[in-house]
PDB file of N, CA and C in Angstrom:
ATOM      1  N   MET A   1       0.781  -0.950  -0.010  1.00  0.00           N
ATOM      2  CA  MET A   1       0.142   0.357   0.049  1.00  0.00           C
ATOM      3  C   MET A   1       0.527   1.203  -0.039  1.00  0.00           C
ATOM      4  N   GLU A   2       0.424   1.906  -0.993  1.00  0.00           N
ATOM      5  CA  GLU A   2       1.259   3.404  -0.963  1.00  0.00           C
ATOM      6  C   GLU A   2       1.296   4.693   0.066  1.00  0.00           C
ATOM      7  N   ASP A   3       2.392   5.042   0.853  1.00  0.00           N
ATOM      8  CA  ASP A   3       1.820   5.700   2.033  1.00  0.00           C
ATOM      9  C   ASP A   3       1.700   7.423   1.227  1.00  0.00           C
ATOM     10  N   GLU A   4       0.141   7.991   1.172  1.00  0.00           N
ATOM     11  CA  GLU A   4      -0.564   8.472   0.683  1.00  0.00           C
ATOM     12  C   GLU A   4      -0.042   9.715   1.399  1.00  0.00           C
ATOM     13  N   LYS A   5       0.723  10.352   2.216  1.00  0.00           N
ATOM     14  CA  LYS A   5       1.246  11.398   2.336  1.00  0.00           C
ATOM     15  C   LYS A   5       2.823  11.310   1.558  1.00  0.00           C
ATOM     16  N   PHE A   6       3.530  10.643   1.467  1.00  0.00           N
ATOM     17  CA  PHE A   6       4.806  10.579   0.549  1.00  0.00           C
ATOM     18  C   PHE A   6       5.036   9.641  -0.615  1.00  0.00           C
ATOM     19  N   PRO A   7       3.647  10.276  -1.588  1.00  0.00           N
ATOM     20  CA  PRO A   7       3.418   9.330  -3.029  1.00  0.00           C
ATOM     21  C   PRO A   7       4.353   8.776  -3.685  1.00  0.00           C
ATOM     22  N   LYS A   8       4.737   7.830  -3.908  1.00  0.00           N
ATOM     23  CA  LYS A   8       6.016   7.426  -4.693  1.00  0.00           C
ATOM     24  C   LYS A   8       6.303   8.569  -5.899  1.00  0.00           C
ATOM     25  N   GLN A   9       7.329   9.372  -6.568  1.00  0.00           N
ATOM     26  CA  GLN A   9       7.653   9.608  -7.616  1.00  0.00           C
ATOM     27  C   GLN A   9       7.992   9.026  -8.511  1.00  0.00           C
ATOM     28  N   ASN A  10       7.870   9.226  -9.855  1.00  0.00           N
ATOM     29  CA  ASN A  10       8.240   8.351 -11.271  1.00  0.00           C
ATOM     30  C   ASN A  10       9.811   8.371 -11.062  1.00  0.00           C
ATOM     31  N   PRO A  11      10.452   7.397 -11.232  1.00  0.00           N
ATOM     32  CA  PRO A  11      12.149   7.511 -11.023  1.00  0.00           C
ATOM     33  C   PRO A  11      12.542   8.097 -12.744  1.00  0.00           C
ATOM     34  N   ASP A  12      11.779   8.248 -13.791  1.00  0.00           N
ATOM     35  CA  ASP A  12      12.024   8.953 -14.934  1.00  0.00           C
ATOM     36  C   ASP A  12      12.263  10.441 -14.572  1.00  0.00           C
ATOM     37  N   GLN A  13      11.218  11.071 -13.789  1.00  0.00           N
ATOM     38  CA  GLN A  13      11.207  12.607 -13.591  1.00  0.00           C
ATOM     39  C   GLN A  13      12.156  12.833 -13.143  1.00  0.00           C
ATOM     40  N   GLN A  14      12.142  14.131 -13.984  1.00  0.00           N
ATOM     41  CA  GLN A  14      13.780  14.922 -12.829  1.00  0.00           C
ATOM     42  C   GLN A  14      12.943  16.252 -12.994  1.00  0.00           C
ATOM     43  N   ILE A  15      14.158  16.977 -11.711  1.00  0.00           N
ATOM     44  CA  ILE A  15      13.808  18.225 -11.287  1.00  0.00           C
ATOM     45  C   ILE A  15      15.151  19.360 -11.768  1.00  0.00           C
ATOM     46  N   ASN A  16      14.312  20.172 -12.704  1.00  0.00           N
ATOM     47  CA  ASN A  16      15.679  20.874 -13.071  1.00  0.00           C
ATOM     48  C   ASN A  16      15.807  22.301 -12.266  1.00  0.00           C
ATOM     49  N   VAL A  17      17.525  22.086 -11.737  1.00  0.00           N
ATOM     50  CA  VAL A  17      17.339  22.994 -10.671  1.00  0.00           C
ATOM     51  C   VAL A  17      18.357  24.623 -11.510  1.00  0.00           C
ATOM     52  N   GLU A  18      18.532  25.570 -10.945  1.00  0.00           N
ATOM     53  CA  GLU A  18      18.873  26.593 -12.044  1.00  0.00           C
ATOM     54  C   GLU A  18      19.655  26.913 -10.919  1.00  0.00           C
ATOM     55  N   LEU A  19      20.905  27.153 -10.849  1.00  0.00           N
ATOM     56  CA  LEU A  19      21.627  27.941  -9.794  1.00  0.00           C
ATOM     57  C   LEU A  19      22.437  29.447 -10.122  1.00  0.00           C
ATOM     58  N   SER A  20      22.275  30.206  -9.828  1.00  0.00           N
ATOM     59  CA  SER A  20      23.148  31.856 -10.316  1.00  0.00           C
ATOM     60  C   SER A  20      24.662  31.463  -9.947  1.00  0.00           C
ATOM     61  N   GLU A  21      25.359  32.073 -10.658  1.00  0.00           N
ATOM     62  CA  GLU A  21      26.696  32.117 -10.402  1.00  0.00           C
ATOM     63  C   GLU A  21      27.089  32.830  -8.929  1.00  0.00           C
ATOM     64  N   GLU A  22      26.121  33.868  -8.517  1.00  0.00           N
ATOM     65  CA  GLU A  22      26.071  34.366  -7.213  1.00  0.00           C
ATOM     66  C   GLU A  22      25.522  33.834  -6.048  1.00  0.00           C
ATOM     67  N   VAL A  23      24.726  32.288  -6.395  1.00  0.00           N
ATOM     68  CA  VAL A  23      24.138  32.116  -5.086  1.00  0.00           C
ATOM     69  C   VAL A  23      25.012  30.720  -4.820  1.00  0.00           C
ATOM     70  N   ALA A  24      25.564  30.447  -6.245  1.00  0.00           N
ATOM     71  CA  ALA A  24      26.891  29.765  -6.215  1.00  0.00           C
ATOM     72  C   ALA A  24      28.147  29.654  -5.185  1.00  0.00           C
ATOM     73  N   GLU A  25      28.444  30.761  -5.459  1.00  0.00           N
ATOM     74  CA  GLU A  25      29.466  31.231  -4.226  1.00  0.00           C
ATOM     75  C   GLU A  25      28.814  31.489  -2.978  1.00  0.00           C
ATOM     76  N   GLY A  26      28.301  30.998  -2.516  1.00  0.00           N
ATOM     77  CA  GLY A  26      27.852  30.879  -1.123  1.00  0.00           C
ATOM     78  C   GLY A  26      27.610  31.898  -0.294  1.00  0.00           C
ATOM     79  N   VAL A  27      27.252  31.763   1.026  1.00  0.00           N
ATOM     80  CA  VAL A  27      27.885  32.754   2.081  1.00  0.00           C
ATOM     81  C   VAL A  27      27.610  32.079   3.243  1.00  0.00           C
ATOM     82  N   TYR A  28      29.106  32.653   3.941  1.00  0.00           N
ATOM     83  CA  TYR A  28      29.495  32.251   5.196  1.00  0.00           C
ATOM     84  C   TYR A  28      28.664  32.119   6.208  1.00  0.00           C
ATOM     85  N   SER A  29      28.810  30.987   7.514  1.00  0.00           N
ATOM     86  CA  SER A  29      27.659  31.472   8.174  1.00  0.00           C
ATOM     87  C   SER A  29      28.309  30.744   9.227  1.00  0.00           C
ATOM     88  N   ASN A  30      28.343  31.111  10.694  1.00  0.00           N
ATOM     89  CA  ASN A  30      29.455  30.518  11.694  1.00  0.00           C
ATOM     90  C   ASN A  30      28.278  30.641  13.193  1.00  0.00           C
ATOM     91  N   LEU A  31      26.831  31.207  12.668  1.00  0.00           N
ATOM     92  CA  LEU A  31      25.827  30.900  13.583  1.00  0.00           C
ATOM     93  C   LEU A  31      24.452  30.955  12.655  1.00  0.00           C
ATOM     94  N   ALA A  32      23.620  29.921  13.668  1.00  0.00           N
ATOM     95  CA  ALA A  32      22.285  29.902  12.865  1.00  0.00           C
ATOM     96  C   ALA A  32      21.210  30.216  14.317  1.00  0.00           C
ATOM     97  N   MET A  33      20.139  31.144  13.899  1.00  0.00           N
ATOM     98  CA  MET A  33      19.127  30.941  14.754  1.00  0.00           C
ATOM     99  C   MET A  33      17.991  30.816  14.756  1.00  0.00           C
ATOM    100  N   ILE A  34      16.950  29.701  15.293  1.00  0.00           N
ATOM    101  CA  ILE A  34      16.141  29.183  14.658  1.00  0.00           C
ATOM    102  C   ILE A  34      14.641  29.821  15.570  1.00  0.00           C
ATOM    103  N   ALA A  35      13.270  30.080  14.764  1.00  0.00           N
ATOM    104  CA  ALA A  35      12.673  30.614  15.528  1.00  0.00           C
ATOM    105  C   ALA A  35      11.036  29.546  14.954  1.00  0.00           C
ATOM    106  N   HIS A  36       9.998  29.451  15.590  1.00  0.00           N
ATOM    107  CA  HIS A  36       9.176  28.687  14.672  1.00  0.00           C
ATOM    108  C   HIS A  36       7.626  29.262  15.120  1.00  0.00           C
ATOM    109  N   SER A  37       6.593  29.163  14.458  1.00  0.00           N
ATOM    110  CA  SER A  37       5.497  28.889  14.694  1.00  0.00           C
ATOM    111  C   SER A  37       4.447  28.095  14.478  1.00  0.00           C
ATOM    112  N   ASN A  38       3.272  27.565  14.652  1.00  0.00           N
ATOM    113  CA  ASN A  38       2.724  26.608  14.295  1.00  0.00           C
ATOM    114  C   ASN A  38       2.813  26.267  12.859  1.00  0.00           C
ATOM    115  N   SER A  39       2.582  27.176  12.392  1.00  0.00           N
ATOM    116  CA  SER A  39       2.818  26.977  10.461  1.00  0.00           C
ATOM    117  C   SER A  39       4.258  27.041   9.891  1.00  0.00           C
ATOM    118  N   GLU A  40       5.194  27.663  10.407  1.00  0.00           N
ATOM    119  CA  GLU A  40       6.741  27.634   9.884  1.00  0.00           C
ATOM    120  C   GLU A  40       7.658  27.822  10.549  1.00  0.00           C
ATOM    121  N   PHE A  41       8.532  27.067  10.239  1.00  0.00           N
ATOM    122  CA  PHE A  41      10.142  27.138  10.655  1.00  0.00           C
ATOM    123  C   PHE A  41      10.672  28.390  10.164  1.00  0.00           C
ATOM    124  N   VAL A  42      11.934  29.262  10.482  1.00  0.00           N
ATOM    125  CA  VAL A  42      12.066  30.517  10.372  1.00  0.00           C
ATOM    126  C   VAL A  42      13.738  30.405  10.846  1.00  0.00           C
ATOM    127  N   ILE A  43      14.861  30.213   9.972  1.00  0.00           N
ATOM    128  CA  ILE A  43      16.187  29.874  10.230  1.00  0.00           C
ATOM    129  C   ILE A  43      17.195  30.963  10.061  1.00  0.00           C
ATOM    130  N   ASP A  44      17.478  31.669  10.404  1.00  0.00           N
ATOM    131  CA  ASP A  44      18.254  32.758  10.204  1.00  0.00           C
ATOM    132  C   ASP A  44      20.079  32.247  10.207  1.00  0.00           C
ATOM    133  N   PHE A  45      20.741  32.150   9.337  1.00  0.00           N
ATOM    134  CA  PHE A  45      22.035  32.468   8.986  1.00  0.00           C
ATOM    135  C   PHE A  45      23.218  33.750   9.438  1.00  0.00           C
ATOM    136  N   ILE A  46      24.018  33.519  10.470  1.00  0.00           N
ATOM    137  CA  ILE A  46      24.382  34.753  10.790  1.00  0.00           C
ATOM    138  C   ILE A  46      25.737  34.601  10.700  1.00  0.00           C
ATOM    139  N   ARG A  47      26.646  35.913  10.527  1.00  0.00           N
ATOM    140  CA  ARG A  47      28.310  35.683  10.571  1.00  0.00           C
ATOM    141  C   ARG A  47      28.324  36.510  11.505  1.00  0.00           C
ATOM    142  N   LEU A  48      29.131  36.066  12.513  1.00  0.00           N
ATOM    143  CA  LEU A  48      29.226  36.332  13.635  1.00  0.00           C
ATOM    144  C   LEU A  48      30.902  36.823  13.849  1.00  0.00           C
ATOM    145  N   MET A  49      31.586  38.113  13.566  1.00  0.00           N
ATOM    146  CA  MET A  49      32.789  38.236  13.924  1.00  0.00           C
ATOM    147  C   MET A  49      33.654  38.529  15.203  1.00  0.00           C
ATOM    148  N   PRO A  50      34.968  38.044  15.544  1.00  0.00           N
ATOM    149  CA  PRO A  50      35.252  38.102  16.626  1.00  0.00           C
ATOM    150  C   PRO A  50      35.519  39.469  17.072  1.00  0.00           C
ATOM    151  N   GLY A  51      35.199  39.673  18.694  1.00  0.00           N
ATOM    152  CA  GLY A  51      35.715  41.576  18.806  1.00  0.00           C
ATOM    153  C   GLY A  51      34.728  42.816  18.112  1.00  0.00           C
ATOM    154  N   VAL A  52      33.553  42.479  17.472  1.00  0.00           N
ATOM    155  CA  VAL A  52      32.606  43.190  16.768  1.00  0.00           C
ATOM    156  C   VAL A  52      31.075  42.589  17.542  1.00  0.00           C
ATOM    157  N   PRO A  53      30.489  43.602  17.844  1.00  0.00           N
ATOM    158  CA  PRO A  53      29.603  43.799  18.596  1.00  0.00           C
ATOM    159  C   PRO A  53      28.073  43.570  18.240  1.00  0.00           C
ATOM    160  N   LYS A  54      28.123  43.790  16.825  1.00  0.00           N
ATOM    161  CA  LYS A  54      26.747  43.459  16.316  1.00  0.00           C
ATOM    162  C   LYS A  54      27.637  42.368  14.680  1.00  0.00           C
ATOM    163  N   ALA A  55      25.961  41.794  14.914  1.00  0.00           N
ATOM    164  CA  ALA A  55      26.492  40.555  13.800  1.00  0.00           C
ATOM    165  C   ALA A  55      25.211  40.688  12.775  1.00  0.00           C
ATOM    166  N   LYS A  56      25.917  39.917  11.988  1.00  0.00           N
ATOM    167  CA  LYS A  56      24.574  40.100  10.930  1.00  0.00           C
ATOM    168  C   LYS A  56      23.806  39.310  10.133  1.00  0.00           C
ATOM    169  N   VAL A  57      22.553  39.000  10.063  1.00  0.00           N
ATOM    170  CA  VAL A  57      21.813  37.785   9.084  1.00  0.00           C
ATOM    171  C   VAL A  57      22.331  38.042   7.860  1.00  0.00           C
ATOM    172  N   LYS A  58      22.766  36.950   7.557  1.00  0.00           N
ATOM    173  CA  LYS A  58      23.274  37.029   6.074  1.00  0.00           C
ATOM    174  C   LYS A  58      22.212  35.862   4.969  1.00  0.00           C
ATOM    175  N   SER A  59      21.499  35.736   5.630  1.00  0.00           N
ATOM    176  CA  SER A  59      20.461  34.642   4.799  1.00  0.00           C
ATOM    177  C   SER A  59      19.096  33.874   5.722  1.00  0.00           C
ATOM    178  N   ARG A  60      17.947  34.350   5.238  1.00  0.00           N
ATOM    179  CA  ARG A  60      16.481  33.486   6.291  1.00  0.00           C
ATOM    180  C   ARG A  60      16.214  33.136   5.264  1.00  0.00           C
ATOM    181  N   ILE A  61      16.170  31.873   5.821  1.00  0.00           N
ATOM    182  CA  ILE A  61      15.326  30.382   5.094  1.00  0.00           C
ATOM    183  C   ILE A  61      13.507  30.234   5.679  1.00  0.00           C
ATOM    184  N   ILE A  62      12.611  30.724   4.849  1.00  0.00           N
ATOM    185  CA  ILE A  62      11.702  30.483   5.532  1.00  0.00           C
ATOM    186  C   ILE A  62      11.345  28.683   5.126  1.00  0.00           C
ATOM    187  N   MET A  63      10.459  27.711   5.835  1.00  0.00           N
ATOM    188  CA  MET A  63      10.162  26.563   5.558  1.00  0.00           C
ATOM    189  C   MET A  63       8.940  26.088   6.476  1.00  0.00           C
ATOM    190  N   THR A  64       8.189  24.963   5.955  1.00  0.00           N
ATOM    191  CA  THR A  64       7.061  24.846   6.817  1.00  0.00           C
ATOM    192  C   THR A  64       7.777  23.853   8.155  1.00  0.00           C
ATOM    193  N   PRO A  65       6.894  23.116   8.439  1.00  0.00           N
ATOM    194  CA  PRO A  65       7.245  22.386   9.671  1.00  0.00           C
ATOM    195  C   PRO A  65       8.070  20.628   8.996  1.00  0.00           C
ATOM    196  N   ASP A  66       6.924  20.445   8.195  1.00  0.00           N
ATOM    197  CA  ASP A  66       7.330  19.072   7.470  1.00  0.00           C
ATOM    198  C   ASP A  66       8.549  19.378   6.444  1.00  0.00           C
ATOM    199  N   HIS A  67       8.679  20.544   6.036  1.00  0.00           N
ATOM    200  CA  HIS A  67      10.201  20.721   5.262  1.00  0.00           C
ATOM    201  C   HIS A  67      11.096  20.687   6.408  1.00  0.00           C
ATOM    202  N   ALA A  68      11.168  20.985   7.674  1.00  0.00           N
ATOM    203  CA  ALA A  68      12.380  21.390   8.136  1.00  0.00           C
ATOM    204  C   ALA A  68      12.235  20.243   9.006  1.00  0.00           C
ATOM    205  N   LYS A  69      11.766  19.139   8.985  1.00  0.00           N
ATOM    206  CA  LYS A  69      11.541  17.726   9.498  1.00  0.00           C
ATOM    207  C   LYS A  69      12.222  17.377   8.518  1.00  0.00           C
ATOM    208  N   ARG A  70      12.062  17.035   7.404  1.00  0.00           N
ATOM    209  CA  ARG A  70      12.596  16.826   6.552  1.00  0.00           C
ATOM    210  C   ARG A  70      14.148  17.337   5.743  1.00  0.00           C
ATOM    211  N   LEU A  71      14.384  18.449   6.080  1.00  0.00           N
ATOM    212  CA  LEU A  71      15.631  18.925   6.609  1.00  0.00           C
ATOM    213  C   LEU A  71      16.640  18.274   7.531  1.00  0.00           C
ATOM    214  N   LEU A  72      15.925  18.129   8.805  1.00  0.00           N
ATOM    215  CA  LEU A  72      16.827  17.547   9.736  1.00  0.00           C
ATOM    216  C   LEU A  72      17.434  16.009   9.478  1.00  0.00           C
ATOM    217  N   ALA A  73      16.679  15.477   9.023  1.00  0.00           N
ATOM    218  CA  ALA A  73      16.653  14.137   8.076  1.00  0.00           C
ATOM    219  C   ALA A  73      17.844  13.733   7.412  1.00  0.00           C
ATOM    220  N   ALA A  74      17.618  14.591   6.412  1.00  0.00           N
ATOM    221  CA  ALA A  74      18.834  15.134   5.597  1.00  0.00           C
ATOM    222  C   ALA A  74      20.337  15.463   5.954  1.00  0.00           C
ATOM    223  N   LEU A  75      20.176  16.480   7.154  1.00  0.00           N
ATOM    224  CA  LEU A  75      21.280  17.302   8.112  1.00  0.00           C
ATOM    225  C   LEU A  75      21.931  15.861   8.492  1.00  0.00           C
ATOM    226  N   LYS A  76      21.287  14.849   9.313  1.00  0.00           N
ATOM    227  CA  LYS A  76      21.858  13.812  10.207  1.00  0.00           C
ATOM    228  C   LYS A  76      22.120  12.911   9.127  1.00  0.00           C
ATOM    229  N   ASP A  77      21.466  12.352   8.184  1.00  0.00           N
ATOM    230  CA  ASP A  77      22.182  11.518   6.907  1.00  0.00           C
ATOM    231  C   ASP A  77      23.505  12.059   6.643  1.00  0.00           C
ATOM    232  N   ASN A  78      23.517  13.450   5.834  1.00  0.00           N
ATOM    233  CA  ASN A  78      24.931  13.436   5.465  1.00  0.00           C
ATOM    234  C   ASN A  78      26.074  13.858   6.726  1.00  0.00           C
ATOM    235  N   ILE A  79      25.697  14.265   7.805  1.00  0.00           N
ATOM    236  CA  ILE A  79      26.518  14.327   9.100  1.00  0.00           C
ATOM    237  C   ILE A  79      27.399  12.666   9.114  1.00  0.00           C
ATOM    238  N   SER A  80      26.294  11.890   8.984  1.00  0.00           N
ATOM    239  CA  SER A  80      26.611  10.486   9.195  1.00  0.00           C
ATOM    240  C   SER A  80      28.073  10.446   8.352  1.00  0.00           C
ATOM    241  N   LYS A  81      27.335  10.146   7.142  1.00  0.00           N
ATOM    242  CA  LYS A  81      28.210   9.765   5.594  1.00  0.00           C
ATOM    243  C   LYS A  81      29.914  10.495   6.167  1.00  0.00           C
ATOM    244  N   TYR A  82      29.551  11.671   6.632  1.00  0.00           N
ATOM    245  CA  TYR A  82      30.862  12.683   6.554  1.00  0.00           C
ATOM    246  C   TYR A  82      31.780  12.163   7.811  1.00  0.00           C
ATOM    247  N   GLU A  83      31.038  11.718   8.726  1.00  0.00           N
ATOM    248  CA  GLU A  83      31.749  11.271   9.724  1.00  0.00           C
ATOM    249  C   GLU A  83      32.470   9.855   9.679  1.00  0.00           C
ATOM    250  N   GLN A  84      31.814   9.284   8.758  1.00  0.00           N
ATOM    251  CA  GLN A  84      31.952   7.486   8.036  1.00  0.00           C
ATOM    252  C   GLN A  84      33.395   8.050   7.628  1.00  0.00           C
ATOM    253  N   ALA A  85      33.411   9.125   6.015  1.00  0.00           N
ATOM    254  CA  ALA A  85      34.568   9.392   5.724  1.00  0.00           C
ATOM    255  C   ALA A  85      35.908  10.052   6.118  1.00  0.00           C
ATOM    256  N   PHE A  86      35.644  10.903   7.082  1.00  0.00           N
ATOM    257  CA  PHE A  86      36.432  12.028   7.539  1.00  0.00           C
ATOM    258  C   PHE A  86      36.523  11.713   9.125  1.00  0.00           C
ATOM    259  N   GLY A  87      35.838  11.345   9.714  1.00  0.00           N
ATOM    260  CA  GLY A  87      36.253  10.761  11.437  1.00  0.00           C
ATOM    261  C   GLY A  87      35.070  12.028  11.946  1.00  0.00           C
ATOM    262  N   LYS A  88      35.108  11.341  13.322  1.00  0.00           N
ATOM    263  CA  LYS A  88      33.783  12.684  14.017  1.00  0.00           C
ATOM    264  C   LYS A  88      34.420  13.724  14.366  1.00  0.00           C
ATOM    265  N   ILE A  89      32.873  14.234  14.306  1.00  0.00           N
ATOM    266  CA  ILE A  89      32.827  16.307  14.216  1.00  0.00           C
ATOM    267  C   ILE A  89      32.868  16.107  15.713  1.00  0.00           C
ATOM    268  N   GLU A  90      34.155  17.160  15.817  1.00  0.00           N
ATOM    269  CA  GLU A  90      34.296  17.304  17.821  1.00  0.00           C
ATOM    270  C   GLU A  90      33.450  19.031  17.564  1.00  0.00           C
ATOM    271  N   THR A  91      32.491  19.223  18.723  1.00  0.00           N
ATOM    272  CA  THR A  91      31.541  20.102  18.830  1.00  0.00           C
ATOM    273  C   THR A  91      32.273  20.706  20.075  1.00  0.00           C
ATOM    274  N   GLY A  92      32.072  22.550  20.548  1.00  0.00           N
ATOM    275  CA  GLY A  92      32.583  22.447  21.523  1.00  0.00           C
ATOM    276  C   GLY A  92      31.380  22.769  22.602  1.00  0.00           C
ATOM    277  N   SER A  93      32.333  22.467  23.560  1.00  0.00           N
ATOM    278  CA  SER A  93      30.817  22.307  24.397  1.00  0.00           C
ATOM    279  C   SER A  93      30.139  23.616  24.789  1.00  0.00           C
ATOM    280  N   GLU A  94      30.784  24.627  24.749  1.00  0.00           N
ATOM    281  CA  GLU A  94      30.042  25.950  24.885  1.00  0.00           C
ATOM    282  C   GLU A  94      29.740  27.023  23.578  1.00  0.00           C
ATOM    283  N   GLY A  95      28.263  27.283  23.747  1.00  0.00           N
ATOM    284  CA  GLY A  95      28.081  27.971  23.028  1.00  0.00           C
ATOM    285  C   GLY A  95      28.447  29.299  23.065  1.00  0.00           C
ATOM    286  N   PRO A  96      27.672  30.012  22.376  1.00  0.00           N
ATOM    287  CA  PRO A  96      27.510  32.177  22.478  1.00  0.00           C
ATOM    288  C   PRO A  96      27.554  31.998  23.853  1.00  0.00           C
ATOM    289  N   ASN A  97      28.368  33.140  24.625  1.00  0.00           N
ATOM    290  CA  ASN A  97      27.910  33.746  25.960  1.00  0.00           C
ATOM    291  C   ASN A  97      26.794  34.605  25.665  1.00  0.00           C
ATOM    292  N   PHE A  98      26.173  34.667  25.501  1.00  0.00           N
ATOM    293  CA  PHE A  98      25.329  36.552  25.107  1.00  0.00           C
ATOM    294  C   PHE A  98      23.951  35.864  24.548  1.00  0.00           C
ATOM    295  N   PRO A  99      22.902  36.603  25.252  1.00  0.00           N
ATOM    296  CA  PRO A  99      21.633  37.092  24.650  1.00  0.00           C
ATOM    297  C   PRO A  99      21.405  36.637  22.893  1.00  0.00           C
ATOM    298  N   LEU A 100      21.049  35.459  22.584  1.00  0.00           N
ATOM    299  CA  LEU A 100      19.968  35.051  21.555  1.00  0.00           C
ATOM    300  C   LEU A 100      19.108  34.995  21.271  1.00  0.00           C
ATOM    301  N   ASN A 101      18.241  35.746  22.280  1.00  0.00           N
ATOM    302  CA  ASN A 101      16.622  35.575  21.673  1.00  0.00           C
ATOM    303  C   ASN A 101      16.075  36.852  20.988  1.00  0.00           C
ATOM    304  N   PHE A 102      15.542  37.023  19.799  1.00  0.00           N
ATOM    305  CA  PHE A 102      15.185  37.511  18.687  1.00  0.00           C
ATOM    306  C   PHE A 102      13.551  37.795  19.143  1.00  0.00           C
ATOM    307  N   GLY A 103      12.700  37.477  19.568  1.00  0.00           N
ATOM    308  CA  GLY A 103      11.746  37.329  20.295  1.00  0.00           C
ATOM    309  C   GLY A 103      11.070  35.995  19.794  1.00  0.00           C
ATOM    310  N   GLY A 104      10.103  35.486  20.722  1.00  0.00           N
ATOM    311  CA  GLY A 104       9.248  34.055  20.520  1.00  0.00           C
ATOM    312  C   GLY A 104      10.368  33.179  20.270  1.00  0.00           C
ATOM    313  N   THR A 105       9.849  31.614  20.443  1.00  0.00           N
ATOM    314  CA  THR A 105      10.543  30.549  20.410  1.00  0.00           C
ATOM    315  C   THR A 105      11.735  30.316  19.976  1.00  0.00           C
ATOM    316  N   PHE A 106      12.654  29.933  20.373  1.00  0.00           N
ATOM    317  CA  PHE A 106      14.109  29.846  19.707  1.00  0.00           C
ATOM    318  C   PHE A 106      14.966  28.464  19.707  1.00  0.00           C
ATOM    319  N   GLY A 107      14.973  27.965  19.005  1.00  0.00           N
ATOM    320  CA  GLY A 107      16.500  27.301  19.048  1.00  0.00           C
ATOM    321  C   GLY A 107      17.838  27.453  18.383  1.00  0.00           C
ATOM    322  N   GLU A 108      19.247  26.892  18.518  1.00  0.00           N
ATOM    323  CA  GLU A 108      20.027  27.808  17.764  1.00  0.00           C
ATOM    324  C   GLU A 108      21.232  26.378  17.343  1.00  0.00           C
ATOM    325  N   ALA A 109      21.668  26.586  16.662  1.00  0.00           N
ATOM    326  CA  ALA A 109      22.651  25.202  15.986  1.00  0.00           C
ATOM    327  C   ALA A 109      23.982  25.569  15.656  1.00  0.00           C
TER     328      ALA A 109
END
């Protein structure tokens, strides 16, 4: 029985994704702040520079809760593959030591 929530896609069907040169260059971020409502997740990617009291949001991504959960699964899968190839990623035990609340419920990554 086919799962109605995730219908099977035709394997011959392709999605053509366009990537401009500007977007392909990417944007560096060393901090992410996540907020959510009942209908969406908002992820702000921020560049925080040492000794500079002001940080800039470099990109904001807004997505549905369903898409956020699929993104989480994809990140977990990719991190697992990365660690199999290159070894365990060591994370610092300390996060930033300043308030990061920009209103509403939030998390950080």
